[in-house]
Amino acid sequence: MRKNLIRSAALAATALAGVLSLSACDKGDSGSEASAPAASSASSASSAPADPSALSPSAGAARPAEQGSPSHAARQSDGGAAKGSRSPGATAEKGTGKPSHSGESSGKNGDKNGYGQVCGTNDLTWAATSKSQAGGYIEISVRAKPGITCWLPGVYPVVAIGSDGTEAQPAEQAVGKEIKLSGGTTAYAGLNPKTTNDDSGKELADIIVTVSRDSAGDPVGLKVGSTLFDRPEVTNWHASPREAVPGAGGR
């Protein structure tokens, strides 16, 4: 009897231990199952691709930096230069193939088309002709170049003789009228190469001239043949060749 009670107690203890063991296993399995979704969720979060909008500031600034880079600016400037490469001055005399002369002379009431300005030295075509009248002189004549209309002042041209700075002196004291030059209109000045009565002087074959002392443009060289110069004088500009003969104008 006693043995049966001991055996029953042992069986009951064994059964209770088994129940407790099963209960502990159930709780452990539940905890594992509960932690598994969390681990899976964390794994999914770590493996998911990054949102483009969540890029770092340095990565997001890469595109603006590219637009502002020197190479990008150079491409833009090259394109702008190609569009704006045509110079406004290139069409001053459109269709003629010749540059405008208006920039070579200062203009009184002048404009970019070359009308109404004071004649500059390079606005004119020049010629020099030896004349036998009045003991011999050199007739200097000028015309406006094609497309130019300008006013020639009624003063004397500057005539340089040789390389030593000698200049022809004015043969007239008064200032004459302005002369409008356009098309075939011609103006004249008379150069007396020698006003002395001896054989002194220097012999030269060319002279350097400008419209006046205040005129714009580069000086022009004129061939006059072998001529003896000594204290030369030159008249004002005149519309008539007769008035440009030295001694014929007012003094």
Protein backbone atom coordinates (compact mmCIF):
# COMPACT_ATOMS: atom_id res chain seq x y z
CA MET A 1 0.00 0.00 0.00
CA ARG A 2 2.75 2.33 0.98
CA LYS A 3 4.60 1.53 -2.23
CA ASN A 4 1.54 2.30 -4.31
CA LEU A 5 1.22 5.75 -2.71
CA ILE A 6 4.87 6.53 -3.34
CA ARG A 7 4.52 5.43 -6.94
CA SER A 8 1.42 7.54 -7.44
CA ALA A 9 3.15 10.58 -5.97
CA ALA A 10 6.13 10.06 -8.25
CA LEU A 11 3.90 9.77 -11.30
CA ALA A 12 2.02 12.91 -10.29
CA ALA A 13 5.29 14.81 -9.87
CA THR A 14 6.49 13.60 -13.25
CA ALA A 15 3.24 14.65 -14.88
CA LEU A 16 3.40 18.09 -13.26
CA ALA A 17 6.96 18.55 -14.45
CA GLY A 18 5.89 17.62 -17.95
CA VAL A 19 3.04 20.15 -17.88
CA LEU A 20 5.35 22.87 -16.67
CA SER A 21 7.87 21.99 -19.36
CA LEU A 22 5.24 22.16 -22.10
CA SER A 23 4.02 25.51 -20.79
CA ALA A 24 7.54 26.91 -20.86
CA CYS A 25 8.05 25.67 -24.42
CA ASP A 26 4.80 27.30 -25.55
CA LYS A 27 5.89 30.63 -24.10
CA GLY A 28 9.30 30.34 -25.76
CA ASP A 29 7.75 29.58 -29.13
CA SER A 30 5.40 32.56 -28.79
CA GLY A 31 8.32 34.86 -28.03
CA SER A 32 10.22 33.56 -31.03
CA GLU A 33 7.23 34.09 -33.25
CA ALA A 34 6.72 37.59 -31.87
CA SER A 35 10.33 38.55 -32.45
CA ALA A 36 10.46 37.05 -35.92
CA PRO A 37 8.21 39.73 -37.55
CA ALA A 38 10.23 42.45 -35.87
CA ALA A 39 13.45 41.01 -37.23
CA SER A 40 11.84 40.60 -40.65
CA SER A 41 10.59 44.17 -40.53
CA ALA A 42 14.02 45.45 -39.59
CA SER A 43 15.60 43.39 -42.36
CA SER A 44 13.08 44.76 -44.88
CA ALA A 45 13.77 48.31 -43.76
CA SER A 46 17.51 47.86 -44.12
CA SER A 47 17.29 46.19 -47.53
CA ALA A 48 14.69 48.56 -49.07
CA PRO A 49 16.08 50.98 -51.74
CA ALA A 50 16.69 54.54 -50.61
CA ASP A 51 14.18 57.20 -51.57
CA PRO A 52 15.77 59.52 -54.22
CA SER A 53 14.44 62.50 -52.31
CA ALA A 54 16.32 61.32 -49.23
CA LEU A 55 19.74 61.61 -50.85
CA SER A 56 22.38 63.53 -49.00
CA PRO A 57 22.67 67.34 -49.60
CA SER A 58 25.95 66.87 -51.39
CA ALA A 59 24.41 64.38 -53.83
CA GLY A 60 21.38 66.59 -54.44
CA ALA A 61 23.62 69.58 -55.16
CA ALA A 62 25.49 67.72 -57.88
CA ARG A 63 23.13 68.76 -60.66
CA PRO A 64 23.17 72.53 -59.94
CA ALA A 65 26.93 72.34 -59.58
CA GLU A 66 27.15 70.81 -63.04
CA GLN A 67 25.10 73.66 -64.52
CA GLY A 68 27.32 76.23 -62.88
CA SER A 69 30.58 74.53 -63.81
CA PRO A 70 33.16 76.40 -66.01
CA SER A 71 32.66 73.94 -68.85
CA HIS A 72 28.89 74.48 -68.81
CA ALA A 73 29.36 78.27 -68.65
CA ALA A 74 31.83 78.07 -71.52
CA ARG A 75 29.32 76.18 -73.63
CA GLN A 76 26.68 78.80 -72.88
CA SER A 77 29.08 81.68 -73.62
CA ASP A 78 30.20 80.02 -76.85
CA GLY A 79 26.61 79.70 -77.96
CA GLY A 80 25.92 83.33 -77.04
CA ALA A 81 29.01 84.50 -78.86
CA ALA A 82 28.01 82.60 -81.97
CA LYS A 83 24.60 84.27 -81.97
CA GLY A 84 25.99 87.76 -81.29
CA SER A 85 29.17 87.59 -83.36
CA ARG A 86 27.88 89.87 -86.09
CA SER A 87 29.38 93.31 -85.60
CA PRO A 88 27.05 96.33 -85.97
CA GLY A 89 29.77 98.18 -87.89
CA ALA A 90 30.00 95.49 -90.55
CA THR A 91 26.81 96.75 -92.23
CA ALA A 92 27.68 100.45 -92.35
CA GLU A 93 27.52 100.36 -96.15
CA LYS A 94 25.48 97.22 -96.72
CA GLY A 95 25.71 95.88 -100.24
CA THR A 96 28.70 97.97 -101.29
CA GLY A 97 31.46 95.75 -99.95
CA LYS A 98 33.23 98.84 -98.61
CA PRO A 99 33.64 99.98 -95.02
CA SER A 100 32.04 103.20 -93.86
CA HIS A 101 34.36 106.22 -93.81
CA SER A 102 32.28 108.17 -91.31
CA GLY A 103 34.35 106.90 -88.37
CA GLU A 104 37.53 108.33 -89.85
CA SER A 105 36.49 111.95 -89.63
CA SER A 106 34.94 114.06 -86.93
CA GLY A 107 31.51 115.21 -88.01
CA LYS A 108 29.73 118.52 -87.76
CA ASN A 109 26.08 117.51 -88.02
CA GLY A 110 27.43 114.21 -89.30
CA ASP A 111 25.94 110.74 -88.97
CA LYS A 112 27.03 107.14 -89.41
CA ASN A 113 26.08 107.17 -93.11
CA GLY A 114 28.71 109.79 -93.93
CA TYR A 115 26.40 112.75 -94.65
CA GLY A 116 26.81 116.29 -93.35
CA GLN A 117 30.19 115.80 -91.70
CA VAL A 118 33.43 117.72 -91.99
CA CYS A 119 35.66 116.08 -94.59
CA GLY A 120 38.41 113.94 -93.14
CA THR A 121 41.63 113.31 -95.03
CA ASN A 122 40.68 109.68 -95.71
CA ASP A 123 37.17 110.60 -96.89
CA LEU A 124 38.68 112.04 -100.07
CA THR A 125 40.53 110.99 -103.19
CA TRP A 126 43.59 113.15 -103.85
CA ALA A 127 45.52 114.28 -106.92
CA ALA A 128 48.46 116.60 -107.61
CA THR A 129 49.12 118.19 -111.01
CA SER A 130 51.96 120.49 -112.08
CA LYS A 131 50.75 123.74 -113.69
CA SER A 132 52.80 126.29 -115.64
CA GLN A 133 50.58 129.29 -114.89
CA ALA A 134 51.87 132.01 -112.50
CA GLY A 135 55.46 130.87 -112.83
CA GLY A 136 54.59 127.26 -112.08
CA TYR A 137 52.71 125.72 -109.17
CA ILE A 138 51.19 122.42 -108.06
CA GLU A 139 47.40 122.08 -108.16
CA ILE A 140 46.08 119.87 -105.36
CA SER A 141 42.54 118.58 -105.98
CA VAL A 142 40.19 116.45 -103.88
CA ARG A 143 36.87 114.66 -104.33
CA ALA A 144 34.66 112.81 -101.87
CA LYS A 145 34.90 109.05 -102.07
CA PRO A 146 31.80 107.15 -103.27
CA GLY A 147 29.05 107.20 -100.66
CA ILE A 148 30.53 110.18 -98.79
CA THR A 149 29.02 113.66 -98.57
CA CYS A 150 31.04 116.09 -96.45
CA TRP A 151 32.00 119.72 -96.00
CA LEU A 152 35.50 120.96 -96.76
CA PRO A 153 36.57 123.86 -94.51
CA GLY A 154 37.61 127.10 -96.22
CA VAL A 155 41.15 126.97 -94.83
CA TYR A 156 44.43 125.83 -96.34
CA PRO A 157 45.60 122.21 -96.42
CA VAL A 158 48.61 121.19 -94.38
CA VAL A 159 51.46 120.38 -96.79
CA ALA A 160 54.64 118.85 -95.35
CA ILE A 161 57.82 119.11 -97.41
CA GLY A 162 60.51 116.51 -96.75
CA SER A 163 61.30 114.83 -93.45
CA ASP A 164 62.63 117.87 -91.59
CA GLY A 165 59.19 119.21 -90.61
CA THR A 166 59.00 121.98 -93.22
CA GLU A 167 55.40 123.01 -94.00
CA ALA A 168 53.92 125.27 -96.65
CA GLN A 169 52.75 128.59 -95.20
CA PRO A 170 49.28 130.02 -95.93
CA ALA A 171 49.12 132.15 -99.07
CA GLU A 172 45.81 133.73 -97.94
CA GLN A 173 45.01 135.48 -94.69
CA ALA A 174 41.21 135.25 -94.77
CA VAL A 175 39.19 132.08 -94.29
CA GLY A 176 37.07 131.11 -97.29
CA LYS A 177 33.67 129.46 -97.59
CA GLU A 178 33.03 125.81 -96.84
CA ILE A 179 32.67 123.57 -99.88
CA LYS A 180 30.21 120.70 -100.07
CA LEU A 181 31.82 117.63 -101.63
CA SER A 182 29.74 114.81 -103.05
CA GLY A 183 29.84 112.77 -106.22
CA GLY A 184 31.95 114.50 -108.87
CA THR A 185 32.34 117.84 -107.05
CA THR A 186 36.01 118.86 -106.85
CA ALA A 187 37.84 121.33 -104.63
CA TYR A 188 41.27 122.85 -105.35
CA ALA A 189 44.26 124.35 -103.54
CA GLY A 190 47.37 125.82 -105.18
CA LEU A 191 50.88 125.08 -103.85
CA ASN A 192 53.66 127.48 -104.80
CA PRO A 193 56.81 125.39 -104.12
CA LYS A 194 59.29 128.27 -104.25
CA THR A 195 58.69 131.90 -103.27
CA THR A 196 62.36 132.98 -103.37
CA ASN A 197 64.23 134.33 -106.41
CA ASP A 198 67.48 132.39 -106.06
CA ASP A 199 68.54 128.83 -106.77
CA SER A 200 68.45 127.69 -103.15
CA GLY A 201 66.08 125.05 -101.86
CA LYS A 202 65.71 121.30 -101.71
CA GLU A 203 64.56 119.07 -104.53
CA LEU A 204 61.87 116.54 -103.70
CA ALA A 205 59.47 114.32 -105.64
CA ASP A 206 56.60 113.95 -103.18
CA ILE A 207 54.66 115.80 -100.49
CA ILE A 208 52.52 114.81 -97.49
CA VAL A 209 49.08 116.42 -97.14
CA THR A 210 46.02 116.55 -94.87
CA VAL A 211 42.74 118.46 -95.28
CA SER A 212 43.58 120.92 -92.50
CA ARG A 213 45.41 121.13 -89.21
CA ASP A 214 42.34 119.89 -87.34
CA SER A 215 41.22 117.19 -89.77
CA ALA A 216 40.82 113.53 -88.91
CA GLY A 217 42.46 110.68 -90.76
CA ASP A 218 45.96 109.70 -91.76
CA PRO A 219 48.15 111.97 -93.94
CA VAL A 220 48.29 111.20 -97.65
CA GLY A 221 51.42 111.11 -99.82
CA LEU A 222 51.31 112.72 -103.29
CA LYS A 223 53.83 112.43 -106.11
CA VAL A 224 54.75 115.82 -107.62
CA GLY A 225 57.77 114.95 -109.75
CA SER A 226 61.20 116.44 -109.15
CA THR A 227 60.46 119.90 -107.71
CA LEU A 228 62.63 122.54 -106.02
CA PHE A 229 61.10 123.73 -102.74
CA ASP A 230 62.05 126.86 -100.82
CA ARG A 231 59.64 128.68 -98.50
CA PRO A 232 56.55 127.14 -100.11
CA GLU A 233 53.05 128.62 -99.77
CA VAL A 234 49.62 127.10 -100.30
CA THR A 235 46.18 128.66 -100.92
CA ASN A 236 42.90 127.87 -99.20
CA TRP A 237 40.51 125.32 -100.64
CA HIS A 238 38.39 126.72 -103.48
CA ALA A 239 35.51 125.44 -105.59
CA SER A 240 37.10 126.91 -108.75
CA PRO A 241 40.58 125.97 -110.02
CA ARG A 242 41.13 129.60 -111.11
CA GLU A 243 40.74 130.81 -107.54
CA ALA A 244 43.35 128.28 -106.40
CA VAL A 245 46.14 129.78 -108.52
CA PRO A 246 48.73 131.25 -106.09
CA GLY A 247 48.43 135.06 -106.17
CA ALA A 248 44.83 134.96 -107.45
CA GLY A 249 43.20 134.58 -104.03
CA GLY A 250 42.79 137.23 -101.35
CA ARG A 251 45.72 138.06 -99.08
